[in-house]
Amino acid sequence: MYRKYKSPELLGNILEKTLKKRGLEKKILGEKAVLLWERVVGPQIAQKSSAFKVEGSILFVRVKSPCWRNELFFIKKKIIDKLNQHIKKRLIKDIVFVHSQN
């Protein structure tokens, strides 16, 4: 008796399906958004801020001064759009800027 095998599948597709099935896709994409922060906002803004976590669809960013927090607030929508483009999903829906002395 012969077994019918499925045609070969790309490892990336298998991994994506497995992550979705286990509920890990959003968590990994959130971590990717954190890692992409500097690339998305550029070096000048990255010097004054750093993304540190995603909860649900909210990205949390530490900002070195209240002035920078205000500046980033005004370009928040643009940053969200760029982050979602990079991760290829509409995951990030809001950003919370937290003042940090570090």
PDB file of N, CA and C in Angstrom:
ATOM      1  N   MET A   1       0.835  -1.179   0.000  1.00  0.00           N
ATOM      2  CA  MET A   1       0.000   0.000   0.000  1.00  0.00           C
ATOM      3  C   MET A   1       0.881   1.244   0.000  1.00  0.00           C
ATOM      4  N   TYR A   2       0.580   2.165  -0.893  1.00  0.00           N
ATOM      5  CA  TYR A   2       1.356   3.386  -1.027  1.00  0.00           C
ATOM      6  C   TYR A   2       0.684   4.533  -0.286  1.00  0.00           C
ATOM      7  N   ARG A   3       1.500   5.339   0.341  1.00  0.00           N
ATOM      8  CA  ARG A   3       0.996   6.533   1.008  1.00  0.00           C
ATOM      9  C   ARG A   3       1.161   7.724   0.081  1.00  0.00           C
ATOM     10  N   LYS A   4       0.152   8.537   0.028  1.00  0.00           N
ATOM     11  CA  LYS A   4       0.252   9.758  -0.749  1.00  0.00           C
ATOM     12  C   LYS A   4       0.831  10.854   0.136  1.00  0.00           C
ATOM     13  N   TYR A   5       1.861  11.467  -0.361  1.00  0.00           N
ATOM     14  CA  TYR A   5       2.492  12.548   0.374  1.00  0.00           C
ATOM     15  C   TYR A   5       2.073  13.882  -0.220  1.00  0.00           C
ATOM     16  N   LYS A   6       1.982  14.841   0.637  1.00  0.00           N
ATOM     17  CA  LYS A   6       1.700  16.203   0.176  1.00  0.00           C
ATOM     18  C   LYS A   6       2.925  16.710  -0.575  1.00  0.00           C
ATOM     19  N   SER A   7       2.698  17.657  -1.438  1.00  0.00           N
ATOM     20  CA  SER A   7       3.830  18.266  -2.128  1.00  0.00           C
ATOM     21  C   SER A   7       4.654  19.059  -1.109  1.00  0.00           C
ATOM     22  N   PRO A   8       5.930  19.258  -1.387  1.00  0.00           N
ATOM     23  CA  PRO A   8       6.777  19.985  -0.433  1.00  0.00           C
ATOM     24  C   PRO A   8       6.227  21.374  -0.148  1.00  0.00           C
ATOM     25  N   GLU A   9       6.443  21.803   1.086  1.00  0.00           N
ATOM     26  CA  GLU A   9       5.963  23.115   1.504  1.00  0.00           C
ATOM     27  C   GLU A   9       7.146  23.907   2.057  1.00  0.00           C
ATOM     28  N   LEU A  10       7.142  25.196   1.830  1.00  0.00           N
ATOM     29  CA  LEU A  10       8.215  26.040   2.334  1.00  0.00           C
ATOM     30  C   LEU A  10       8.225  26.036   3.861  1.00  0.00           C
ATOM     31  N   LEU A  11       9.417  25.974   4.425  1.00  0.00           N
ATOM     32  CA  LEU A  11       9.557  25.953   5.878  1.00  0.00           C
ATOM     33  C   LEU A  11       8.940  27.193   6.515  1.00  0.00           C
ATOM     34  N   GLY A  12       9.092  28.355   5.866  1.00  0.00           N
ATOM     35  CA  GLY A  12       8.507  29.586   6.391  1.00  0.00           C
ATOM     36  C   GLY A  12       6.998  29.497   6.516  1.00  0.00           C
ATOM     37  N   ASN A  13       6.346  28.864   5.533  1.00  0.00           N
ATOM     38  CA  ASN A  13       4.888  28.692   5.581  1.00  0.00           C
ATOM     39  C   ASN A  13       4.481  27.757   6.712  1.00  0.00           C
ATOM     40  N   ILE A  14       5.242  26.696   6.899  1.00  0.00           N
ATOM     41  CA  ILE A  14       4.958  25.746   7.987  1.00  0.00           C
ATOM     42  C   ILE A  14       5.103  26.446   9.337  1.00  0.00           C
ATOM     43  N   LEU A  15       6.177  27.204   9.472  1.00  0.00           N
ATOM     44  CA  LEU A  15       6.428  27.925  10.720  1.00  0.00           C
ATOM     45  C   LEU A  15       5.321  28.928  11.006  1.00  0.00           C
ATOM     46  N   GLU A  16       4.903  29.670   9.986  1.00  0.00           N
ATOM     47  CA  GLU A  16       3.827  30.654  10.157  1.00  0.00           C
ATOM     48  C   GLU A  16       2.527  29.987  10.606  1.00  0.00           C
ATOM     49  N   LYS A  17       2.172  28.884   9.994  1.00  0.00           N
ATOM     50  CA  LYS A  17       0.950  28.158  10.383  1.00  0.00           C
ATOM     51  C   LYS A  17       1.041  27.656  11.825  1.00  0.00           C
ATOM     52  N   THR A  18       2.210  27.134  12.187  1.00  0.00           N
ATOM     53  CA  THR A  18       2.399  26.609  13.543  1.00  0.00           C
ATOM     54  C   THR A  18       2.287  27.726  14.580  1.00  0.00           C
ATOM     55  N   LEU A  19       2.901  28.871  14.298  1.00  0.00           N
ATOM     56  CA  LEU A  19       2.831  29.996  15.235  1.00  0.00           C
ATOM     57  C   LEU A  19       1.399  30.489  15.399  1.00  0.00           C
ATOM     58  N   LYS A  20       0.657  30.571  14.291  1.00  0.00           N
ATOM     59  CA  LYS A  20      -0.744  30.986  14.371  1.00  0.00           C
ATOM     60  C   LYS A  20      -1.546  30.005  15.211  1.00  0.00           C
ATOM     61  N   LYS A  21      -1.332  28.718  14.945  1.00  0.00           N
ATOM     62  CA  LYS A  21      -2.083  27.679  15.656  1.00  0.00           C
ATOM     63  C   LYS A  21      -1.826  27.731  17.160  1.00  0.00           C
ATOM     64  N   ARG A  22      -0.611  28.046  17.533  1.00  0.00           N
ATOM     65  CA  ARG A  22      -0.244  28.096  18.955  1.00  0.00           C
ATOM     66  C   ARG A  22      -0.451  29.475  19.588  1.00  0.00           C
ATOM     67  N   GLY A  23      -0.936  30.420  18.804  1.00  0.00           N
ATOM     68  CA  GLY A  23      -1.217  31.746  19.340  1.00  0.00           C
ATOM     69  C   GLY A  23       0.023  32.584  19.605  1.00  0.00           C
ATOM     70  N   LEU A  24       1.114  32.304  18.918  1.00  0.00           N
ATOM     71  CA  LEU A  24       2.368  33.018  19.155  1.00  0.00           C
ATOM     72  C   LEU A  24       2.695  34.060  18.095  1.00  0.00           C
ATOM     73  N   GLU A  25       1.948  34.096  17.025  1.00  0.00           N
ATOM     74  CA  GLU A  25       2.259  34.993  15.919  1.00  0.00           C
ATOM     75  C   GLU A  25       2.285  36.460  16.358  1.00  0.00           C
ATOM     76  N   LYS A  26       1.270  36.900  17.074  1.00  0.00           N
ATOM     77  CA  LYS A  26       1.198  38.301  17.505  1.00  0.00           C
ATOM     78  C   LYS A  26       2.334  38.658  18.449  1.00  0.00           C
ATOM     79  N   LYS A  27       2.683  37.737  19.330  1.00  0.00           N
ATOM     80  CA  LYS A  27       3.769  37.989  20.276  1.00  0.00           C
ATOM     81  C   LYS A  27       5.096  38.162  19.535  1.00  0.00           C
ATOM     82  N   ILE A  28       5.350  37.316  18.559  1.00  0.00           N
ATOM     83  CA  ILE A  28       6.588  37.413  17.795  1.00  0.00           C
ATOM     84  C   ILE A  28       6.599  38.682  16.947  1.00  0.00           C
ATOM     85  N   LEU A  29       5.477  39.003  16.329  1.00  0.00           N
ATOM     86  CA  LEU A  29       5.408  40.241  15.543  1.00  0.00           C
ATOM     87  C   LEU A  29       5.582  41.469  16.435  1.00  0.00           C
ATOM     88  N   GLY A  30       5.068  41.408  17.660  1.00  0.00           N
ATOM     89  CA  GLY A  30       5.264  42.503  18.603  1.00  0.00           C
ATOM     90  C   GLY A  30       6.731  42.689  18.941  1.00  0.00           C
ATOM     91  N   GLU A  31       7.434  41.585  19.164  1.00  0.00           N
ATOM     92  CA  GLU A  31       8.869  41.660  19.440  1.00  0.00           C
ATOM     93  C   GLU A  31       9.619  42.204  18.229  1.00  0.00           C
ATOM     94  N   LYS A  32       9.153  41.832  17.053  1.00  0.00           N
ATOM     95  CA  LYS A  32       9.768  42.342  15.824  1.00  0.00           C
ATOM     96  C   LYS A  32       9.575  43.859  15.733  1.00  0.00           C
ATOM     97  N   ALA A  33       8.400  44.343  16.099  1.00  0.00           N
ATOM     98  CA  ALA A  33       8.135  45.783  16.088  1.00  0.00           C
ATOM     99  C   ALA A  33       9.085  46.512  17.038  1.00  0.00           C
ATOM    100  N   VAL A  34       9.332  45.936  18.204  1.00  0.00           N
ATOM    101  CA  VAL A  34      10.264  46.528  19.169  1.00  0.00           C
ATOM    102  C   VAL A  34      11.667  46.603  18.554  1.00  0.00           C
ATOM    103  N   LEU A  35      12.082  45.510  17.931  1.00  0.00           N
ATOM    104  CA  LEU A  35      13.416  45.463  17.331  1.00  0.00           C
ATOM    105  C   LEU A  35      13.558  46.412  16.141  1.00  0.00           C
ATOM    106  N   LEU A  36      12.473  46.674  15.443  1.00  0.00           N
ATOM    107  CA  LEU A  36      12.516  47.542  14.265  1.00  0.00           C
ATOM    108  C   LEU A  36      12.427  49.027  14.600  1.00  0.00           C
ATOM    109  N   TRP A  37      12.217  49.365  15.853  1.00  0.00           N
ATOM    110  CA  TRP A  37      12.002  50.761  16.247  1.00  0.00           C
ATOM    111  C   TRP A  37      13.063  51.700  15.649  1.00  0.00           C
ATOM    112  N   GLU A  38      14.331  51.394  15.866  1.00  0.00           N
ATOM    113  CA  GLU A  38      15.396  52.282  15.403  1.00  0.00           C
ATOM    114  C   GLU A  38      15.381  52.434  13.882  1.00  0.00           C
ATOM    115  N   ARG A  39      15.177  51.348  13.164  1.00  0.00           N
ATOM    116  CA  ARG A  39      15.144  51.408  11.702  1.00  0.00           C
ATOM    117  C   ARG A  39      13.980  52.275  11.212  1.00  0.00           C
ATOM    118  N   VAL A  40      12.843  52.172  11.880  1.00  0.00           N
ATOM    119  CA  VAL A  40      11.645  52.884  11.450  1.00  0.00           C
ATOM    120  C   VAL A  40      11.736  54.386  11.754  1.00  0.00           C
ATOM    121  N   VAL A  41      12.205  54.737  12.940  1.00  0.00           N
ATOM    122  CA  VAL A  41      12.212  56.155  13.325  1.00  0.00           C
ATOM    123  C   VAL A  41      13.507  56.883  12.962  1.00  0.00           C
ATOM    124  N   GLY A  42      14.561  56.144  12.693  1.00  0.00           N
ATOM    125  CA  GLY A  42      15.837  56.759  12.340  1.00  0.00           C
ATOM    126  C   GLY A  42      16.718  56.994  13.562  1.00  0.00           C
ATOM    127  N   PRO A  43      18.009  57.266  13.327  1.00  0.00           N
ATOM    128  CA  PRO A  43      18.968  57.363  14.434  1.00  0.00           C
ATOM    129  C   PRO A  43      18.749  58.546  15.376  1.00  0.00           C
ATOM    130  N   GLN A  44      18.305  59.675  14.863  1.00  0.00           N
ATOM    131  CA  GLN A  44      18.111  60.847  15.726  1.00  0.00           C
ATOM    132  C   GLN A  44      17.024  60.587  16.765  1.00  0.00           C
ATOM    133  N   ILE A  45      15.894  60.070  16.338  1.00  0.00           N
ATOM    134  CA  ILE A  45      14.798  59.783  17.271  1.00  0.00           C
ATOM    135  C   ILE A  45      15.163  58.592  18.149  1.00  0.00           C
ATOM    136  N   ALA A  46      15.854  57.605  17.587  1.00  0.00           N
ATOM    137  CA  ALA A  46      16.241  56.415  18.362  1.00  0.00           C
ATOM    138  C   ALA A  46      17.204  56.765  19.495  1.00  0.00           C
ATOM    139  N   GLN A  47      17.971  57.837  19.340  1.00  0.00           N
ATOM    140  CA  GLN A  47      18.857  58.283  20.428  1.00  0.00           C
ATOM    141  C   GLN A  47      18.060  58.759  21.630  1.00  0.00           C
ATOM    142  N   LYS A  48      16.879  59.278  21.381  1.00  0.00           N
ATOM    143  CA  LYS A  48      16.062  59.871  22.443  1.00  0.00           C
ATOM    144  C   LYS A  48      14.915  58.978  22.897  1.00  0.00           C
ATOM    145  N   SER A  49      14.765  57.811  22.261  1.00  0.00           N
ATOM    146  CA  SER A  49      13.637  56.938  22.596  1.00  0.00           C
ATOM    147  C   SER A  49      13.986  55.486  22.314  1.00  0.00           C
ATOM    148  N   SER A  50      13.246  54.579  22.969  1.00  0.00           N
ATOM    149  CA  SER A  50      13.434  53.152  22.693  1.00  0.00           C
ATOM    150  C   SER A  50      12.145  52.403  22.997  1.00  0.00           C
ATOM    151  N   ALA A  51      11.744  51.583  22.040  1.00  0.00           N
ATOM    152  CA  ALA A  51      10.572  50.729  22.249  1.00  0.00           C
ATOM    153  C   ALA A  51      10.991  49.607  23.191  1.00  0.00           C
ATOM    154  N   PHE A  52      10.088  49.208  24.096  1.00  0.00           N
ATOM    155  CA  PHE A  52      10.483  48.158  25.033  1.00  0.00           C
ATOM    156  C   PHE A  52       9.480  47.029  25.189  1.00  0.00           C
ATOM    157  N   LYS A  53       8.232  47.201  24.757  1.00  0.00           N
ATOM    158  CA  LYS A  53       7.296  46.078  24.829  1.00  0.00           C
ATOM    159  C   LYS A  53       6.043  46.378  24.021  1.00  0.00           C
ATOM    160  N   VAL A  54       5.329  45.296  23.714  1.00  0.00           N
ATOM    161  CA  VAL A  54       4.020  45.399  23.072  1.00  0.00           C
ATOM    162  C   VAL A  54       3.047  44.613  23.936  1.00  0.00           C
ATOM    163  N   GLU A  55       1.936  45.252  24.267  1.00  0.00           N
ATOM    164  CA  GLU A  55       0.848  44.579  24.988  1.00  0.00           C
ATOM    165  C   GLU A  55      -0.395  44.701  24.133  1.00  0.00           C
ATOM    166  N   GLY A  56      -0.901  43.579  23.686  1.00  0.00           N
ATOM    167  CA  GLY A  56      -2.039  43.603  22.778  1.00  0.00           C
ATOM    168  C   GLY A  56      -1.619  44.238  21.478  1.00  0.00           C
ATOM    169  N   SER A  57      -2.172  45.391  21.184  1.00  0.00           N
ATOM    170  CA  SER A  57      -1.789  46.110  19.962  1.00  0.00           C
ATOM    171  C   SER A  57      -1.180  47.473  20.283  1.00  0.00           C
ATOM    172  N   ILE A  58      -0.661  47.609  21.512  1.00  0.00           N
ATOM    173  CA  ILE A  58      -0.073  48.876  21.957  1.00  0.00           C
ATOM    174  C   ILE A  58       1.430  48.710  22.147  1.00  0.00           C
ATOM    175  N   LEU A  59       2.184  49.565  21.476  1.00  0.00           N
ATOM    176  CA  LEU A  59       3.639  49.597  21.612  1.00  0.00           C
ATOM    177  C   LEU A  59       3.999  50.620  22.686  1.00  0.00           C
ATOM    178  N   PHE A  60       4.854  50.233  23.612  1.00  0.00           N
ATOM    179  CA  PHE A  60       5.305  51.129  24.675  1.00  0.00           C
ATOM    180  C   PHE A  60       6.731  51.581  24.372  1.00  0.00           C
ATOM    181  N   VAL A  61       6.937  52.897  24.455  1.00  0.00           N
ATOM    182  CA  VAL A  61       8.222  53.497  24.087  1.00  0.00           C
ATOM    183  C   VAL A  61       8.693  54.401  25.213  1.00  0.00           C
ATOM    184  N   ARG A  62       9.949  54.197  25.644  1.00  0.00           N
ATOM    185  CA  ARG A  62      10.560  55.093  26.622  1.00  0.00           C
ATOM    186  C   ARG A  62      11.124  56.299  25.876  1.00  0.00           C
ATOM    187  N   VAL A  63      10.879  57.488  26.429  1.00  0.00           N
ATOM    188  CA  VAL A  63      11.346  58.729  25.817  1.00  0.00           C
ATOM    189  C   VAL A  63      12.129  59.503  26.875  1.00  0.00           C
ATOM    190  N   LYS A  64      13.258  60.097  26.463  1.00  0.00           N
ATOM    191  CA  LYS A  64      14.162  60.744  27.420  1.00  0.00           C
ATOM    192  C   LYS A  64      13.681  62.074  27.970  1.00  0.00           C
ATOM    193  N   SER A  65      12.737  62.734  27.305  1.00  0.00           N
ATOM    194  CA  SER A  65      12.272  64.021  27.831  1.00  0.00           C
ATOM    195  C   SER A  65      10.814  64.251  27.437  1.00  0.00           C
ATOM    196  N   PRO A  66      10.127  65.073  28.210  1.00  0.00           N
ATOM    197  CA  PRO A  66       8.742  65.408  27.863  1.00  0.00           C
ATOM    198  C   PRO A  66       8.641  66.093  26.496  1.00  0.00           C
ATOM    199  N   CYS A  67       9.646  66.865  26.128  1.00  0.00           N
ATOM    200  CA  CYS A  67       9.629  67.530  24.813  1.00  0.00           C
ATOM    201  C   CYS A  67       9.617  66.505  23.689  1.00  0.00           C
ATOM    202  N   TRP A  68      10.462  65.496  23.815  1.00  0.00           N
ATOM    203  CA  TRP A  68      10.488  64.443  22.789  1.00  0.00           C
ATOM    204  C   TRP A  68       9.188  63.659  22.791  1.00  0.00           C
ATOM    205  N   ARG A  69       8.630  63.447  23.965  1.00  0.00           N
ATOM    206  CA  ARG A  69       7.341  62.747  24.037  1.00  0.00           C
ATOM    207  C   ARG A  69       6.289  63.507  23.239  1.00  0.00           C
ATOM    208  N   ASN A  70       6.243  64.823  23.392  1.00  0.00           N
ATOM    209  CA  ASN A  70       5.291  65.644  22.630  1.00  0.00           C
ATOM    210  C   ASN A  70       5.565  65.584  21.133  1.00  0.00           C
ATOM    211  N   GLU A  71       6.838  65.689  20.747  1.00  0.00           N
ATOM    212  CA  GLU A  71       7.191  65.622  19.322  1.00  0.00           C
ATOM    213  C   GLU A  71       6.743  64.299  18.707  1.00  0.00           C
ATOM    214  N   LEU A  72       7.009  63.212  19.400  1.00  0.00           N
ATOM    215  CA  LEU A  72       6.648  61.883  18.881  1.00  0.00           C
ATOM    216  C   LEU A  72       5.139  61.689  18.842  1.00  0.00           C
ATOM    217  N   PHE A  73       4.459  62.299  19.779  1.00  0.00           N
ATOM    218  CA  PHE A  73       2.999  62.203  19.783  1.00  0.00           C
ATOM    219  C   PHE A  73       2.419  62.723  18.467  1.00  0.00           C
ATOM    220  N   PHE A  74       2.995  63.802  17.946  1.00  0.00           N
ATOM    221  CA  PHE A  74       2.476  64.399  16.716  1.00  0.00           C
ATOM    222  C   PHE A  74       2.754  63.573  15.462  1.00  0.00           C
ATOM    223  N   ILE A  75       3.754  62.685  15.513  1.00  0.00           N
ATOM    224  CA  ILE A  75       4.042  61.838  14.349  1.00  0.00           C
ATOM    225  C   ILE A  75       3.713  60.361  14.620  1.00  0.00           C
ATOM    226  N   LYS A  76       2.960  60.138  15.680  1.00  0.00           N
ATOM    227  CA  LYS A  76       2.624  58.777  16.092  1.00  0.00           C
ATOM    228  C   LYS A  76       1.955  57.973  14.976  1.00  0.00           C
ATOM    229  N   LYS A  77       0.995  58.547  14.292  1.00  0.00           N
ATOM    230  CA  LYS A  77       0.276  57.841  13.230  1.00  0.00           C
ATOM    231  C   LYS A  77       1.235  57.379  12.131  1.00  0.00           C
ATOM    232  N   LYS A  78       2.149  58.264  11.757  1.00  0.00           N
ATOM    233  CA  LYS A  78       3.134  57.939  10.725  1.00  0.00           C
ATOM    234  C   LYS A  78       4.032  56.778  11.183  1.00  0.00           C
ATOM    235  N   ILE A  79       4.457  56.813  12.425  1.00  0.00           N
ATOM    236  CA  ILE A  79       5.309  55.751  12.977  1.00  0.00           C
ATOM    237  C   ILE A  79       4.560  54.426  12.986  1.00  0.00           C
ATOM    238  N   ILE A  80       3.305  54.445  13.418  1.00  0.00           N
ATOM    239  CA  ILE A  80       2.487  53.231  13.443  1.00  0.00           C
ATOM    240  C   ILE A  80       2.373  52.636  12.038  1.00  0.00           C
ATOM    241  N   ASP A  81       2.093  53.481  11.065  1.00  0.00           N
ATOM    242  CA  ASP A  81       1.967  52.998   9.683  1.00  0.00           C
ATOM    243  C   ASP A  81       3.259  52.363   9.187  1.00  0.00           C
ATOM    244  N   LYS A  82       4.389  53.009   9.470  1.00  0.00           N
ATOM    245  CA  LYS A  82       5.685  52.479   9.023  1.00  0.00           C
ATOM    246  C   LYS A  82       6.015  51.162   9.717  1.00  0.00           C
ATOM    247  N   LEU A  83       5.737  51.069  11.025  1.00  0.00           N
ATOM    248  CA  LEU A  83       5.988  49.823  11.751  1.00  0.00           C
ATOM    249  C   LEU A  83       5.157  48.688  11.166  1.00  0.00           C
ATOM    250  N   ASN A  84       3.881  48.949  10.951  1.00  0.00           N
ATOM    251  CA  ASN A  84       2.999  47.909  10.410  1.00  0.00           C
ATOM    252  C   ASN A  84       3.426  47.500   8.995  1.00  0.00           C
ATOM    253  N   GLN A  85       3.940  48.433   8.217  1.00  0.00           N
ATOM    254  CA  GLN A  85       4.459  48.086   6.890  1.00  0.00           C
ATOM    255  C   GLN A  85       5.647  47.149   7.014  1.00  0.00           C
ATOM    256  N   HIS A  86       6.536  47.429   7.940  1.00  0.00           N
ATOM    257  CA  HIS A  86       7.724  46.596   8.122  1.00  0.00           C
ATOM    258  C   HIS A  86       7.386  45.186   8.607  1.00  0.00           C
ATOM    259  N   ILE A  87       6.400  45.076   9.493  1.00  0.00           N
ATOM    260  CA  ILE A  87       6.057  43.736   9.992  1.00  0.00           C
ATOM    261  C   ILE A  87       4.995  43.053   9.132  1.00  0.00           C
ATOM    262  N   LYS A  88       4.497  43.777   8.135  1.00  0.00           N
ATOM    263  CA  LYS A  88       3.539  43.247   7.151  1.00  0.00           C
ATOM    264  C   LYS A  88       2.224  42.767   7.765  1.00  0.00           C
ATOM    265  N   LYS A  89       1.832  43.387   8.846  1.00  0.00           N
ATOM    266  CA  LYS A  89       0.539  43.132   9.502  1.00  0.00           C
ATOM    267  C   LYS A  89       0.081  44.418  10.152  1.00  0.00           C
ATOM    268  N   ARG A  90      -1.215  44.541  10.340  1.00  0.00           N
ATOM    269  CA  ARG A  90      -1.778  45.702  11.045  1.00  0.00           C
ATOM    270  C   ARG A  90      -1.865  45.347  12.530  1.00  0.00           C
ATOM    271  N   LEU A  91      -0.711  45.193  13.158  1.00  0.00           N
ATOM    272  CA  LEU A  91      -0.650  44.772  14.558  1.00  0.00           C
ATOM    273  C   LEU A  91      -0.681  45.964  15.516  1.00  0.00           C
ATOM    274  N   ILE A  92       0.175  46.943  15.271  1.00  0.00           N
ATOM    275  CA  ILE A  92       0.293  48.081  16.178  1.00  0.00           C
ATOM    276  C   ILE A  92      -0.812  49.084  15.857  1.00  0.00           C
ATOM    277  N   LYS A  93      -1.633  49.375  16.874  1.00  0.00           N
ATOM    278  CA  LYS A  93      -2.731  50.319  16.686  1.00  0.00           C
ATOM    279  C   LYS A  93      -2.545  51.602  17.485  1.00  0.00           C
ATOM    280  N   ASP A  94      -1.626  51.560  18.476  1.00  0.00           N
ATOM    281  CA  ASP A  94      -1.381  52.749  19.275  1.00  0.00           C
ATOM    282  C   ASP A  94       0.027  52.672  19.846  1.00  0.00           C
ATOM    283  N   ILE A  95       0.563  53.815  20.212  1.00  0.00           N
ATOM    284  CA  ILE A  95       1.860  53.889  20.878  1.00  0.00           C
ATOM    285  C   ILE A  95       1.681  54.736  22.129  1.00  0.00           C
ATOM    286  N   VAL A  96       2.216  54.232  23.236  1.00  0.00           N
ATOM    287  CA  VAL A  96       2.216  54.980  24.500  1.00  0.00           C
ATOM    288  C   VAL A  96       3.657  55.384  24.764  1.00  0.00           C
ATOM    289  N   PHE A  97       3.873  56.686  24.905  1.00  0.00           N
ATOM    290  CA  PHE A  97       5.204  57.225  25.184  1.00  0.00           C
ATOM    291  C   PHE A  97       5.339  57.454  26.681  1.00  0.00           C
ATOM    292  N   VAL A  98       6.362  56.853  27.260  1.00  0.00           N
ATOM    293  CA  VAL A  98       6.582  56.906  28.696  1.00  0.00           C
ATOM    294  C   VAL A  98       7.877  57.672  28.956  1.00  0.00           C
ATOM    295  N   HIS A  99       7.800  58.710  29.779  1.00  0.00           N
ATOM    296  CA  HIS A  99       9.005  59.494  30.092  1.00  0.00           C
ATOM    297  C   HIS A  99       9.927  58.651  30.980  1.00  0.00           C
ATOM    298  N   SER A 100      11.198  58.606  30.597  1.00  0.00           N
ATOM    299  CA  SER A 100      12.185  57.848  31.350  1.00  0.00           C
ATOM    300  C   SER A 100      13.468  58.656  31.436  1.00  0.00           C
ATOM    301  N   GLN A 101      14.093  58.690  32.581  1.00  0.00           N
ATOM    302  CA  GLN A 101      15.322  59.447  32.787  1.00  0.00           C
ATOM    303  C   GLN A 101      16.533  58.747  32.171  1.00  0.00           C
ATOM    304  N   ASN A 102      16.456  57.460  31.924  1.00  0.00           N
ATOM    305  CA  ASN A 102      17.616  56.680  31.429  1.00  0.00           C
ATOM    306  C   ASN A 102      17.950  56.969  30.018  1.00  0.00           C
TER     307      ASN A 102
END
